[in-house]
């Protein structure tokens, strides 16, 4: 990876973000819900969020690798459909926490578990309401130099190290003091 790669566009209100917008460190992940490496990175990010608290803002952008992961797109659509009902993070977490069970038929069950209106959920996916946002995320990843998942950016610069806790924590530590 090219360390000089810059996040394009920068983090904005459009993004799915957890944490304070004025945090000294912003960690952006381009992820694929079916990618096993993203699955491994999920608890790492959770641990970083807990360790850094208010000093970290975490942003997730969709980058489904559909040729390698046939359910990545429908999972991203499910998360985005959940976002329309204010439940993006609940669906995001549920998908990653149950990644080995990911298949299209389980997504409506999970939608029910997080309390979504299933009619609105299904309609958002079937009518393509969420497809534009996923396409925009993917295009922004390509412009930013993303070619695999997970790819992390720290304060707008691509992280060229590993996605394990120690590597990310060290890189984030440079920005959080």
Protein backbone atom coordinates (compact mmCIF):
# COMPACT_ATOMS: atom_id res chain seq x y z
CA UNK A 1 0.00 0.00 0.00
CA UNK A 2 1.05 3.54 -0.67
CA UNK A 3 1.33 5.44 2.58
CA UNK A 4 0.90 8.74 0.77
CA UNK A 5 -2.59 7.76 -0.41
CA UNK A 6 -5.12 10.30 0.82
CA UNK A 7 -8.72 9.70 1.81
CA UNK A 8 -11.04 11.12 -0.84
CA UNK A 9 -13.46 12.56 0.09
CA UNK A 10 -12.57 13.53 3.62
CA UNK A 11 -14.79 12.37 6.48
CA UNK A 12 -18.04 14.31 6.57
CA UNK A 13 -21.53 14.22 8.05
CA UNK A 14 -22.45 11.76 5.27
CA UNK A 15 -20.32 9.04 6.86
CA UNK A 16 -21.32 6.43 9.41
CA UNK A 17 -19.23 7.51 12.37
CA UNK A 18 -18.86 6.56 16.02
CA UNK A 19 -17.13 8.86 18.44
CA UNK A 20 -16.58 12.57 18.62
CA UNK A 21 -16.13 14.49 15.39
CA UNK A 22 -13.43 16.56 17.10
CA UNK A 23 -11.43 13.50 18.24
CA UNK A 24 -7.70 13.83 17.59
CA UNK A 25 -7.71 10.54 15.67
CA UNK A 26 -10.05 9.51 12.88
CA UNK A 27 -9.88 5.87 11.82
CA UNK A 28 -11.67 5.10 8.55
CA UNK A 29 -12.17 1.53 7.42
CA UNK A 30 -13.10 0.46 3.92
CA UNK A 31 -14.63 -2.93 4.58
CA UNK A 32 -16.44 -5.89 3.11
CA UNK A 33 -18.89 -7.70 5.39
CA UNK A 34 -17.94 -11.13 4.05
CA UNK A 35 -14.17 -10.58 3.99
CA UNK A 36 -12.51 -12.82 6.60
CA UNK A 37 -9.78 -10.23 7.20
CA UNK A 38 -12.43 -7.59 7.92
CA UNK A 39 -13.99 -10.10 10.29
CA UNK A 40 -10.65 -10.37 12.08
CA UNK A 41 -10.29 -6.58 12.16
CA UNK A 42 -13.75 -6.04 13.68
CA UNK A 43 -12.81 -6.95 17.29
CA UNK A 44 -9.54 -5.03 16.86
CA UNK A 45 -11.48 -1.86 16.04
CA UNK A 46 -13.83 -2.45 18.98
CA UNK A 47 -10.83 -2.84 21.28
CA UNK A 48 -9.26 0.36 19.90
CA UNK A 49 -12.51 2.24 20.44
CA UNK A 50 -12.63 1.09 24.03
CA UNK A 51 -8.96 1.88 24.67
CA UNK A 52 -8.98 5.32 23.06
CA UNK A 53 -12.49 6.41 24.00
CA UNK A 54 -13.11 10.08 23.21
CA UNK A 55 -9.77 10.34 21.43
CA UNK A 56 -11.01 8.23 18.48
CA UNK A 57 -13.67 8.66 15.83
CA UNK A 58 -14.32 5.50 13.78
CA UNK A 59 -15.85 5.64 10.30
CA UNK A 60 -16.99 2.70 8.19
CA UNK A 61 -17.29 2.83 4.40
CA UNK A 62 -18.51 0.02 2.18
CA UNK A 63 -16.12 -1.66 -0.22
CA UNK A 64 -17.79 -4.95 -1.18
CA UNK A 65 -15.50 -7.26 -3.16
CA UNK A 66 -18.33 -8.97 -5.00
CA UNK A 67 -16.20 -11.24 -7.17
CA UNK A 68 -14.58 -12.81 -4.12
CA UNK A 69 -17.50 -12.53 -1.69
CA UNK A 70 -20.93 -13.19 -3.20
CA UNK A 71 -22.85 -11.94 -0.14
CA UNK A 72 -20.81 -8.78 0.45
CA UNK A 73 -23.10 -6.52 -1.53
CA UNK A 74 -26.36 -7.73 -0.01
CA UNK A 75 -24.81 -7.42 3.45
CA UNK A 76 -23.78 -3.82 2.68
CA UNK A 77 -27.29 -3.17 1.40
CA UNK A 78 -28.71 -4.58 4.63
CA UNK A 79 -26.51 -2.30 6.74
CA UNK A 80 -27.44 0.72 4.64
CA UNK A 81 -31.14 -0.18 4.76
CA UNK A 82 -30.78 -0.37 8.55
CA UNK A 83 -29.14 3.07 8.48
CA UNK A 84 -32.31 4.50 6.96
CA UNK A 85 -34.02 3.46 10.20
CA UNK A 86 -31.22 4.73 12.43
CA UNK A 87 -29.75 1.27 13.09
CA UNK A 88 -26.61 1.15 10.95
CA UNK A 89 -24.22 0.27 13.76
CA UNK A 90 -26.52 -2.35 15.23
CA UNK A 91 -26.72 -4.14 11.86
CA UNK A 92 -23.01 -3.60 11.13
CA UNK A 93 -22.07 -5.20 14.44
CA UNK A 94 -24.55 -8.06 14.11
CA UNK A 95 -23.26 -8.97 10.64
CA UNK A 96 -19.62 -8.99 11.75
CA UNK A 97 -20.37 -10.82 14.99
CA UNK A 98 -22.14 -13.54 13.00
CA UNK A 99 -20.04 -13.43 9.83
CA UNK A 100 -19.73 -17.23 9.45
CA UNK A 101 -23.55 -17.42 9.18
CA UNK A 102 -23.84 -14.64 6.58
CA UNK A 103 -26.17 -15.49 3.72
CA UNK A 104 -29.03 -13.57 2.10
CA UNK A 105 -31.81 -15.49 3.87
CA UNK A 106 -30.53 -14.60 7.34
CA UNK A 107 -30.44 -10.83 6.78
CA UNK A 108 -34.20 -10.25 7.29
CA UNK A 109 -33.97 -12.30 10.50
CA UNK A 110 -31.11 -10.11 11.71
CA UNK A 111 -33.06 -7.01 10.65
CA UNK A 112 -35.86 -8.16 12.92
CA UNK A 113 -33.41 -8.77 15.75
CA UNK A 114 -32.20 -5.16 15.64
CA UNK A 115 -35.79 -3.91 15.58
CA UNK A 116 -36.19 -2.80 11.98
CA UNK A 117 -39.47 -2.37 10.14
CA UNK A 118 -39.05 -5.31 7.77
CA UNK A 119 -41.31 -3.83 5.09
CA UNK A 120 -39.20 -0.64 4.91
CA UNK A 121 -36.01 -2.70 5.15
CA UNK A 122 -36.93 -4.93 2.22
CA UNK A 123 -38.25 -2.03 0.18
CA UNK A 124 -35.04 -0.03 0.56
CA UNK A 125 -33.05 -2.96 -0.80
CA UNK A 126 -35.45 -4.00 -3.55
CA UNK A 127 -35.98 -0.45 -4.82
CA UNK A 128 -32.23 0.25 -4.93
CA UNK A 129 -32.46 3.10 -2.44
CA UNK A 130 -29.20 2.09 -0.77
CA UNK A 131 -27.26 0.99 -3.87
CA UNK A 132 -26.19 4.57 -4.71
CA UNK A 133 -24.53 5.08 -1.34
CA UNK A 134 -22.61 1.79 -1.59
CA UNK A 135 -21.46 2.72 -5.09
CA UNK A 136 -20.32 6.14 -3.81
CA UNK A 137 -18.37 4.50 -0.96
CA UNK A 138 -16.71 2.08 -3.37
CA UNK A 139 -15.81 4.85 -5.82
CA UNK A 140 -14.33 6.94 -3.00
CA UNK A 141 -12.25 3.92 -1.99
CA UNK A 142 -10.93 3.51 -5.50
CA UNK A 143 -10.05 7.23 -5.68
CA UNK A 144 -8.32 6.86 -2.30
CA UNK A 145 -6.15 3.95 -3.51
CA UNK A 146 -8.05 1.10 -1.84
CA UNK A 147 -7.49 -2.24 -3.56
CA UNK A 148 -8.41 -4.70 -0.83
CA UNK A 149 -10.15 -5.00 2.50
CA UNK A 150 -9.82 -3.98 5.15
CA UNK A 151 -8.03 -0.77 4.27
CA UNK A 152 -7.60 1.77 7.04
CA UNK A 153 -6.94 5.50 6.91
CA UNK A 154 -5.72 7.41 9.95
CA UNK A 155 -6.48 11.12 9.83
CA UNK A 156 -6.86 10.92 6.08
CA UNK A 157 -3.68 9.00 5.28
CA UNK A 158 -3.65 5.33 4.32
CA UNK A 159 -2.25 3.10 7.05
CA UNK A 160 0.41 0.95 5.42
CA UNK A 161 0.89 -1.42 8.34
CA UNK A 162 -0.95 -4.48 9.53
CA UNK A 163 -4.52 -4.34 10.79
CA UNK A 164 -3.72 -5.99 14.12
CA UNK A 165 -4.29 -4.17 17.40
CA UNK A 166 -0.65 -3.33 18.14
CA UNK A 167 0.06 -1.89 14.68
CA UNK A 168 -3.09 0.21 14.56
CA UNK A 169 -2.73 1.30 18.19
CA UNK A 170 0.84 2.44 17.56
CA UNK A 171 -0.18 4.37 14.46
CA UNK A 172 -3.14 5.94 16.26
CA UNK A 173 -0.96 6.69 19.26
CA UNK A 174 1.07 9.06 17.14
CA UNK A 175 -2.05 11.17 16.66
CA UNK A 176 -3.65 10.89 20.11
CA UNK A 177 -0.57 11.61 22.20
